[in-house]
Amino acid sequence: MLHLLLFCVLLIFCWPLALLALVLYPIVWLLLLPFRIVGIAVHGVLALVAAVIFLPARLIRSIA
């Protein structure tokens, strides 16, 4: 909601810049999408590595 309010304020004060932002936003979103996907994949791999590393400690703790 805040972004919409800021866009409306920008539209009132400088409409060419607001229209440029409106056009460029989807393009920038598409350009940044691969980095977001890589970040999700790296987060998953690091979580898997952490789970494998901490598995012996969790097993010992559950036995004792």
PDB file of N, CA and C in Angstrom:
ATOM      1  N   MET A   1       0.830  -1.186   0.000  1.00  0.00           N
ATOM      2  CA  MET A   1       0.000   0.000   0.000  1.00  0.00           C
ATOM      3  C   MET A   1       0.879   1.256   0.000  1.00  0.00           C
ATOM      4  N   LEU A   2       1.982   1.177   0.726  1.00  0.00           N
ATOM      5  CA  LEU A   2       2.890   2.318   0.774  1.00  0.00           C
ATOM      6  C   LEU A   2       3.486   2.598  -0.609  1.00  0.00           C
ATOM      7  N   HIS A   3       3.796   1.520  -1.355  1.00  0.00           N
ATOM      8  CA  HIS A   3       4.354   1.724  -2.687  1.00  0.00           C
ATOM      9  C   HIS A   3       3.353   2.420  -3.609  1.00  0.00           C
ATOM     10  N   LEU A   4       2.109   2.056  -3.481  1.00  0.00           N
ATOM     11  CA  LEU A   4       1.083   2.714  -4.293  1.00  0.00           C
ATOM     12  C   LEU A   4       0.965   4.193  -3.938  1.00  0.00           C
ATOM     13  N   LEU A   5       1.021   4.504  -2.661  1.00  0.00           N
ATOM     14  CA  LEU A   5       0.956   5.895  -2.222  1.00  0.00           C
ATOM     15  C   LEU A   5       2.158   6.690  -2.733  1.00  0.00           C
ATOM     16  N   LEU A   6       3.338   6.099  -2.634  1.00  0.00           N
ATOM     17  CA  LEU A   6       4.535   6.773  -3.146  1.00  0.00           C
ATOM     18  C   LEU A   6       4.461   6.958  -4.663  1.00  0.00           C
ATOM     19  N   PHE A   7       3.914   5.958  -5.356  1.00  0.00           N
ATOM     20  CA  PHE A   7       3.762   6.096  -6.799  1.00  0.00           C
ATOM     21  C   PHE A   7       2.799   7.227  -7.144  1.00  0.00           C
ATOM     22  N   CYS A   8       1.717   7.337  -6.393  1.00  0.00           N
ATOM     23  CA  CYS A   8       0.748   8.419  -6.644  1.00  0.00           C
ATOM     24  C   CYS A   8       1.374   9.791  -6.392  1.00  0.00           C
ATOM     25  N   VAL A   9       2.178   9.885  -5.340  1.00  0.00           N
ATOM     26  CA  VAL A   9       2.865  11.156  -5.065  1.00  0.00           C
ATOM     27  C   VAL A   9       3.840  11.475  -6.193  1.00  0.00           C
ATOM     28  N   LEU A  10       4.588  10.459  -6.646  1.00  0.00           N
ATOM     29  CA  LEU A  10       5.517  10.671  -7.752  1.00  0.00           C
ATOM     30  C   LEU A  10       4.763  11.037  -9.027  1.00  0.00           C
ATOM     31  N   LEU A  11       3.604  10.433  -9.227  1.00  0.00           N
ATOM     32  CA  LEU A  11       2.795  10.734 -10.407  1.00  0.00           C
ATOM     33  C   LEU A  11       2.321  12.186 -10.389  1.00  0.00           C
ATOM     34  N   ILE A  12       2.004  12.696  -9.211  1.00  0.00           N
ATOM     35  CA  ILE A  12       1.542  14.087  -9.107  1.00  0.00           C
ATOM     36  C   ILE A  12       2.694  15.064  -9.348  1.00  0.00           C
ATOM     37  N   PHE A  13       3.863  14.779  -8.755  1.00  0.00           N
ATOM     38  CA  PHE A  13       4.962  15.733  -8.844  1.00  0.00           C
ATOM     39  C   PHE A  13       5.769  15.615 -10.134  1.00  0.00           C
ATOM     40  N   CYS A  14       5.952  14.390 -10.621  1.00  0.00           N
ATOM     41  CA  CYS A  14       6.770  14.221 -11.824  1.00  0.00           C
ATOM     42  C   CYS A  14       6.223  13.044 -12.623  1.00  0.00           C
ATOM     43  N   TRP A  15       5.213  13.263 -13.417  1.00  0.00           N
ATOM     44  CA  TRP A  15       4.545  12.168 -14.108  1.00  0.00           C
ATOM     45  C   TRP A  15       5.412  11.453 -15.130  1.00  0.00           C
ATOM     46  N   PRO A  16       6.367  12.125 -15.837  1.00  0.00           N
ATOM     47  CA  PRO A  16       7.192  11.340 -16.773  1.00  0.00           C
ATOM     48  C   PRO A  16       8.071  10.307 -16.049  1.00  0.00           C
ATOM     49  N   LEU A  17       8.591  10.690 -14.897  1.00  0.00           N
ATOM     50  CA  LEU A  17       9.409   9.761 -14.127  1.00  0.00           C
ATOM     51  C   LEU A  17       8.560   8.606 -13.590  1.00  0.00           C
ATOM     52  N   ALA A  18       7.342   8.892 -13.205  1.00  0.00           N
ATOM     53  CA  ALA A  18       6.443   7.845 -12.711  1.00  0.00           C
ATOM     54  C   ALA A  18       6.087   6.868 -13.835  1.00  0.00           C
ATOM     55  N   LEU A  19       5.836   7.372 -15.010  1.00  0.00           N
ATOM     56  CA  LEU A  19       5.530   6.485 -16.130  1.00  0.00           C
ATOM     57  C   LEU A  19       6.751   5.667 -16.546  1.00  0.00           C
ATOM     58  N   LEU A  20       7.928   6.260 -16.475  1.00  0.00           N
ATOM     59  CA  LEU A  20       9.152   5.524 -16.770  1.00  0.00           C
ATOM     60  C   LEU A  20       9.368   4.409 -15.755  1.00  0.00           C
ATOM     61  N   ALA A  21       9.119   4.702 -14.488  1.00  0.00           N
ATOM     62  CA  ALA A  21       9.238   3.678 -13.454  1.00  0.00           C
ATOM     63  C   ALA A  21       8.211   2.577 -13.669  1.00  0.00           C
ATOM     64  N   LEU A  22       7.025   2.941 -14.093  1.00  0.00           N
ATOM     65  CA  LEU A  22       5.972   1.958 -14.339  1.00  0.00           C
ATOM     66  C   LEU A  22       6.341   1.024 -15.491  1.00  0.00           C
ATOM     67  N   VAL A  23       7.033   1.556 -16.492  1.00  0.00           N
ATOM     68  CA  VAL A  23       7.443   0.742 -17.636  1.00  0.00           C
ATOM     69  C   VAL A  23       8.671  -0.102 -17.300  1.00  0.00           C
ATOM     70  N   LEU A  24       9.607   0.468 -16.556  1.00  0.00           N
ATOM     71  CA  LEU A  24      10.862  -0.237 -16.286  1.00  0.00           C
ATOM     72  C   LEU A  24      10.754  -1.280 -15.182  1.00  0.00           C
ATOM     73  N   TYR A  25       9.760  -1.182 -14.305  1.00  0.00           N
ATOM     74  CA  TYR A  25       9.656  -2.111 -13.180  1.00  0.00           C
ATOM     75  C   TYR A  25       9.553  -3.570 -13.624  1.00  0.00           C
ATOM     76  N   PRO A  26       8.692  -3.921 -14.583  1.00  0.00           N
ATOM     77  CA  PRO A  26       8.647  -5.337 -14.995  1.00  0.00           C
ATOM     78  C   PRO A  26       9.943  -5.812 -15.646  1.00  0.00           C
ATOM     79  N   ILE A  27      10.619  -4.928 -16.358  1.00  0.00           N
ATOM     80  CA  ILE A  27      11.872  -5.304 -17.008  1.00  0.00           C
ATOM     81  C   ILE A  27      12.944  -5.586 -15.964  1.00  0.00           C
ATOM     82  N   VAL A  28      13.045  -4.726 -14.974  1.00  0.00           N
ATOM     83  CA  VAL A  28      14.017  -4.941 -13.899  1.00  0.00           C
ATOM     84  C   VAL A  28      13.674  -6.201 -13.116  1.00  0.00           C
ATOM     85  N   TRP A  29      12.381  -6.447 -12.893  1.00  0.00           N
ATOM     86  CA  TRP A  29      11.959  -7.649 -12.173  1.00  0.00           C
ATOM     87  C   TRP A  29      12.375  -8.900 -12.940  1.00  0.00           C
ATOM     88  N   LEU A  30      12.198  -8.883 -14.259  1.00  0.00           N
ATOM     89  CA  LEU A  30      12.606 -10.027 -15.070  1.00  0.00           C
ATOM     90  C   LEU A  30      14.114 -10.210 -15.085  1.00  0.00           C
ATOM     91  N   LEU A  31      14.867  -9.117 -15.086  1.00  0.00           N
ATOM     92  CA  LEU A  31      16.326  -9.230 -15.063  1.00  0.00           C
ATOM     93  C   LEU A  31      16.837  -9.777 -13.735  1.00  0.00           C
ATOM     94  N   LEU A  32      16.171  -9.464 -12.634  1.00  0.00           N
ATOM     95  CA  LEU A  32      16.610  -9.916 -11.319  1.00  0.00           C
ATOM     96  C   LEU A  32      16.072 -11.295 -10.947  1.00  0.00           C
ATOM     97  N   LEU A  33      15.135 -11.825 -11.710  1.00  0.00           N
ATOM     98  CA  LEU A  33      14.534 -13.121 -11.405  1.00  0.00           C
ATOM     99  C   LEU A  33      15.548 -14.268 -11.347  1.00  0.00           C
ATOM    100  N   PRO A  34      16.512 -14.376 -12.278  1.00  0.00           N
ATOM    101  CA  PRO A  34      17.490 -15.472 -12.166  1.00  0.00           C
ATOM    102  C   PRO A  34      18.306 -15.404 -10.875  1.00  0.00           C
ATOM    103  N   PHE A  35      18.646 -14.209 -10.425  1.00  0.00           N
ATOM    104  CA  PHE A  35      19.411 -14.085  -9.180  1.00  0.00           C
ATOM    105  C   PHE A  35      18.575 -14.539  -7.984  1.00  0.00           C
ATOM    106  N   ARG A  36      17.285 -14.273  -8.020  1.00  0.00           N
ATOM    107  CA  ARG A  36      16.393 -14.710  -6.948  1.00  0.00           C
ATOM    108  C   ARG A  36      16.291 -16.235  -6.920  1.00  0.00           C
ATOM    109  N   ILE A  37      16.212 -16.843  -8.118  1.00  0.00           N
ATOM    110  CA  ILE A  37      16.135 -18.302  -8.209  1.00  0.00           C
ATOM    111  C   ILE A  37      17.435 -18.931  -7.721  1.00  0.00           C
ATOM    112  N   VAL A  38      18.569 -18.364  -8.097  1.00  0.00           N
ATOM    113  CA  VAL A  38      19.863 -18.872  -7.627  1.00  0.00           C
ATOM    114  C   VAL A  38      19.963 -18.723  -6.116  1.00  0.00           C
ATOM    115  N   GLY A  39      19.475 -17.635  -5.571  1.00  0.00           N
ATOM    116  CA  GLY A  39      19.507 -17.443  -4.126  1.00  0.00           C
ATOM    117  C   GLY A  39      18.680 -18.487  -3.396  1.00  0.00           C
ATOM    118  N   ILE A  40      17.524 -18.841  -3.938  1.00  0.00           N
ATOM    119  CA  ILE A  40      16.684 -19.874  -3.331  1.00  0.00           C
ATOM    120  C   ILE A  40      17.391 -21.220  -3.389  1.00  0.00           C
ATOM    121  N   ALA A  41      18.029 -21.522  -4.521  1.00  0.00           N
ATOM    122  CA  ALA A  41      18.734 -22.793  -4.667  1.00  0.00           C
ATOM    123  C   ALA A  41      19.928 -22.872  -3.715  1.00  0.00           C
ATOM    124  N   VAL A  42      20.687 -21.800  -3.612  1.00  0.00           N
ATOM    125  CA  VAL A  42      21.848 -21.793  -2.702  1.00  0.00           C
ATOM    126  C   VAL A  42      21.394 -21.927  -1.264  1.00  0.00           C
ATOM    127  N   HIS A  43      20.314 -21.281  -0.903  1.00  0.00           N
ATOM    128  CA  HIS A  43      19.786 -21.402   0.459  1.00  0.00           C
ATOM    129  C   HIS A  43      19.384 -22.849   0.752  1.00  0.00           C
ATOM    130  N   GLY A  44      18.768 -23.513  -0.208  1.00  0.00           N
ATOM    131  CA  GLY A  44      18.391 -24.909  -0.038  1.00  0.00           C
ATOM    132  C   GLY A  44      19.595 -25.823   0.116  1.00  0.00           C
ATOM    133  N   VAL A  45      20.617 -25.603  -0.693  1.00  0.00           N
ATOM    134  CA  VAL A  45      21.829 -26.429  -0.606  1.00  0.00           C
ATOM    135  C   VAL A  45      22.529 -26.208   0.725  1.00  0.00           C
ATOM    136  N   LEU A  46      22.624 -24.977   1.180  1.00  0.00           N
ATOM    137  CA  LEU A  46      23.262 -24.711   2.472  1.00  0.00           C
ATOM    138  C   LEU A  46      22.467 -25.306   3.623  1.00  0.00           C
ATOM    139  N   ALA A  47      21.151 -25.298   3.529  1.00  0.00           N
ATOM    140  CA  ALA A  47      20.332 -25.929   4.565  1.00  0.00           C
ATOM    141  C   ALA A  47      20.548 -27.437   4.574  1.00  0.00           C
ATOM    142  N   LEU A  48      20.680 -28.034   3.408  1.00  0.00           N
ATOM    143  CA  LEU A  48      20.949 -29.468   3.316  1.00  0.00           C
ATOM    144  C   LEU A  48      22.313 -29.805   3.908  1.00  0.00           C
ATOM    145  N   VAL A  49      23.325 -29.025   3.584  1.00  0.00           N
ATOM    146  CA  VAL A  49      24.669 -29.261   4.131  1.00  0.00           C
ATOM    147  C   VAL A  49      24.657 -29.110   5.648  1.00  0.00           C
ATOM    148  N   ALA A  50      23.990 -28.105   6.154  1.00  0.00           N
ATOM    149  CA  ALA A  50      23.908 -27.914   7.603  1.00  0.00           C
ATOM    150  C   ALA A  50      23.188 -29.084   8.264  1.00  0.00           C
ATOM    151  N   ALA A  51      22.129 -29.588   7.634  1.00  0.00           N
ATOM    152  CA  ALA A  51      21.404 -30.726   8.196  1.00  0.00           C
ATOM    153  C   ALA A  51      22.280 -31.970   8.228  1.00  0.00           C
ATOM    154  N   VAL A  52      23.074 -32.191   7.191  1.00  0.00           N
ATOM    155  CA  VAL A  52      23.965 -33.356   7.152  1.00  0.00           C
ATOM    156  C   VAL A  52      25.070 -33.220   8.196  1.00  0.00           C
ATOM    157  N   ILE A  53      25.603 -32.025   8.369  1.00  0.00           N
ATOM    158  CA  ILE A  53      26.676 -31.819   9.343  1.00  0.00           C
ATOM    159  C   ILE A  53      26.160 -31.994  10.766  1.00  0.00           C
ATOM    160  N   PHE A  54      24.967 -31.488  11.061  1.00  0.00           N
ATOM    161  CA  PHE A  54      24.446 -31.554  12.428  1.00  0.00           C
ATOM    162  C   PHE A  54      23.687 -32.836  12.736  1.00  0.00           C
ATOM    163  N   LEU A  55      23.543 -33.737  11.745  1.00  0.00           N
ATOM    164  CA  LEU A  55      22.803 -34.964  11.976  1.00  0.00           C
ATOM    165  C   LEU A  55      23.424 -35.855  13.062  1.00  0.00           C
ATOM    166  N   PRO A  56      24.759 -36.092  13.073  1.00  0.00           N
ATOM    167  CA  PRO A  56      25.316 -36.934  14.147  1.00  0.00           C
ATOM    168  C   PRO A  56      25.076 -36.348  15.541  1.00  0.00           C
ATOM    169  N   ALA A  57      25.196 -35.059  15.678  1.00  0.00           N
ATOM    170  CA  ALA A  57      24.975 -34.432  16.988  1.00  0.00           C
ATOM    171  C   ALA A  57      23.518 -34.576  17.408  1.00  0.00           C
ATOM    172  N   ARG A  58      22.600 -34.458  16.490  1.00  0.00           N
ATOM    173  CA  ARG A  58      21.179 -34.613  16.822  1.00  0.00           C
ATOM    174  C   ARG A  58      20.863 -36.051  17.196  1.00  0.00           C
ATOM    175  N   LEU A  59      21.516 -37.015  16.508  1.00  0.00           N
ATOM    176  CA  LEU A  59      21.283 -38.421  16.855  1.00  0.00           C
ATOM    177  C   LEU A  59      21.823 -38.749  18.230  1.00  0.00           C
ATOM    178  N   ILE A  60      23.024 -38.265  18.536  1.00  0.00           N
ATOM    179  CA  ILE A  60      23.604 -38.513  19.861  1.00  0.00           C
ATOM    180  C   ILE A  60      22.752 -37.856  20.941  1.00  0.00           C
ATOM    181  N   ARG A  61      22.268 -36.647  20.689  1.00  0.00           N
ATOM    182  CA  ARG A  61      21.457 -35.947  21.666  1.00  0.00           C
ATOM    183  C   ARG A  61      20.121 -36.653  21.893  1.00  0.00           C
ATOM    184  N   SER A  62      19.564 -37.253  20.845  1.00  0.00           N
ATOM    185  CA  SER A  62      18.291 -37.949  20.994  1.00  0.00           C
ATOM    186  C   SER A  62      18.454 -39.290  21.717  1.00  0.00           C
ATOM    187  N   ILE A  63      19.616 -39.911  21.596  1.00  0.00           N
ATOM    188  CA  ILE A  63      19.878 -41.182  22.275  1.00  0.00           C
ATOM    189  C   ILE A  63      20.158 -40.952  23.749  1.00  0.00           C
ATOM    190  N   ALA A  64      20.953 -39.936  24.041  1.00  0.00           N
ATOM    191  CA  ALA A  64      21.360 -39.703  25.426  1.00  0.00           C
ATOM    192  C   ALA A  64      20.342 -38.967  26.236  1.00  0.00           C
TER     193      ALA A  64
END
